[in-house]
Amino acid sequence: MKKYLVIALLVIVGLAVAYLTFIIAAIKIIIGSILLGVAAIALLAVWIMWKIED
């Protein structure tokens, strides 16, 4: 009985770690895509300003 309890606890801990890892990765992907969008808009603004001066 004790062996099954330890195995169940390890499985629950493993699932919790996998879930948290997935959530953290999803948050990093969202933040990265937002920053990539901001960088693209800034680059577009610089390109437009450079084109207007010519």
C-alpha atoms as a PDB file:
ATOM      1  CA  MET A   1       0.000   0.000   0.000  1.00  0.00           C
ATOM      2  CA  LYS A   2       2.825   2.397   0.911  1.00  0.00           C
ATOM      3  CA  LYS A   3       4.549   1.685  -2.428  1.00  0.00           C
ATOM      4  CA  TYR A   4       1.419   2.675  -4.375  1.00  0.00           C
ATOM      5  CA  LEU A   5       1.081   5.854  -2.316  1.00  0.00           C
ATOM      6  CA  VAL A   6       4.667   6.871  -3.151  1.00  0.00           C
ATOM      7  CA  ILE A   7       4.132   6.092  -6.859  1.00  0.00           C
ATOM      8  CA  ALA A   8       0.880   8.102  -6.895  1.00  0.00           C
ATOM      9  CA  LEU A   9       2.614  11.019  -5.169  1.00  0.00           C
ATOM     10  CA  LEU A  10       5.472  10.953  -7.692  1.00  0.00           C
ATOM     11  CA  VAL A  11       3.004  10.861 -10.598  1.00  0.00           C
ATOM     12  CA  ILE A  12       1.067  13.824  -9.148  1.00  0.00           C
ATOM     13  CA  VAL A  13       4.296  15.793  -8.623  1.00  0.00           C
ATOM     14  CA  GLY A  14       5.422  14.960 -12.161  1.00  0.00           C
ATOM     15  CA  LEU A  15       2.116  16.123 -13.632  1.00  0.00           C
ATOM     16  CA  ALA A  16       2.242  19.333 -11.578  1.00  0.00           C
ATOM     17  CA  VAL A  17       5.783  20.081 -12.787  1.00  0.00           C
ATOM     18  CA  ALA A  18       4.788  19.377 -16.410  1.00  0.00           C
ATOM     19  CA  TYR A  19       1.718  21.629 -16.073  1.00  0.00           C
ATOM     20  CA  LEU A  20       3.718  24.494 -14.544  1.00  0.00           C
ATOM     21  CA  THR A  21       6.417  24.120 -17.203  1.00  0.00           C
ATOM     22  CA  PHE A  22       3.749  24.314 -19.925  1.00  0.00           C
ATOM     23  CA  ILE A  23       2.149  27.412 -18.338  1.00  0.00           C
ATOM     24  CA  ILE A  24       5.525  29.179 -17.969  1.00  0.00           C
ATOM     25  CA  ALA A  25       6.426  28.331 -21.581  1.00  0.00           C
ATOM     26  CA  ALA A  26       3.060  29.629 -22.811  1.00  0.00           C
ATOM     27  CA  ILE A  27       3.552  32.896 -20.890  1.00  0.00           C
ATOM     28  CA  LYS A  28       7.056  33.288 -22.357  1.00  0.00           C
ATOM     29  CA  ILE A  29       5.713  32.670 -25.881  1.00  0.00           C
ATOM     30  CA  ILE A  30       2.976  35.286 -25.379  1.00  0.00           C
ATOM     31  CA  ILE A  31       5.443  37.869 -24.022  1.00  0.00           C
ATOM     32  CA  GLY A  32       7.897  37.089 -26.819  1.00  0.00           C
ATOM     33  CA  SER A  33       5.266  37.514 -29.519  1.00  0.00           C
ATOM     34  CA  ILE A  34       4.155  40.837 -28.019  1.00  0.00           C
ATOM     35  CA  LEU A  35       7.756  42.089 -27.922  1.00  0.00           C
ATOM     36  CA  LEU A  36       8.305  40.850 -31.477  1.00  0.00           C
ATOM     37  CA  GLY A  37       5.236  42.817 -32.597  1.00  0.00           C
ATOM     38  CA  VAL A  38       6.508  45.954 -30.845  1.00  0.00           C
ATOM     39  CA  ALA A  39       9.921  45.537 -32.477  1.00  0.00           C
ATOM     40  CA  ALA A  40       8.295  45.103 -35.896  1.00  0.00           C
ATOM     41  CA  ILE A  41       6.210  48.265 -35.426  1.00  0.00           C
ATOM     42  CA  ALA A  42       9.312  50.205 -34.310  1.00  0.00           C
ATOM     43  CA  LEU A  43      11.260  48.935 -37.315  1.00  0.00           C
ATOM     44  CA  LEU A  44       8.390  49.912 -39.618  1.00  0.00           C
ATOM     45  CA  ALA A  45       8.313  53.392 -38.069  1.00  0.00           C
ATOM     46  CA  VAL A  46      12.072  53.804 -38.571  1.00  0.00           C
ATOM     47  CA  TRP A  47      11.759  52.625 -42.186  1.00  0.00           C
ATOM     48  CA  ILE A  48       8.893  55.072 -42.868  1.00  0.00           C
ATOM     49  CA  MET A  49      10.831  57.967 -41.307  1.00  0.00           C
ATOM     50  CA  TRP A  50      13.886  57.027 -43.412  1.00  0.00           C
ATOM     51  CA  LYS A  51      11.753  56.916 -46.572  1.00  0.00           C
ATOM     52  CA  ILE A  52      10.089  60.296 -45.853  1.00  0.00           C
ATOM     53  CA  GLU A  53      13.479  62.061 -45.561  1.00  0.00           C
ATOM     54  CA  ASP A  54      14.519  61.052 -49.099  1.00  0.00           C
END
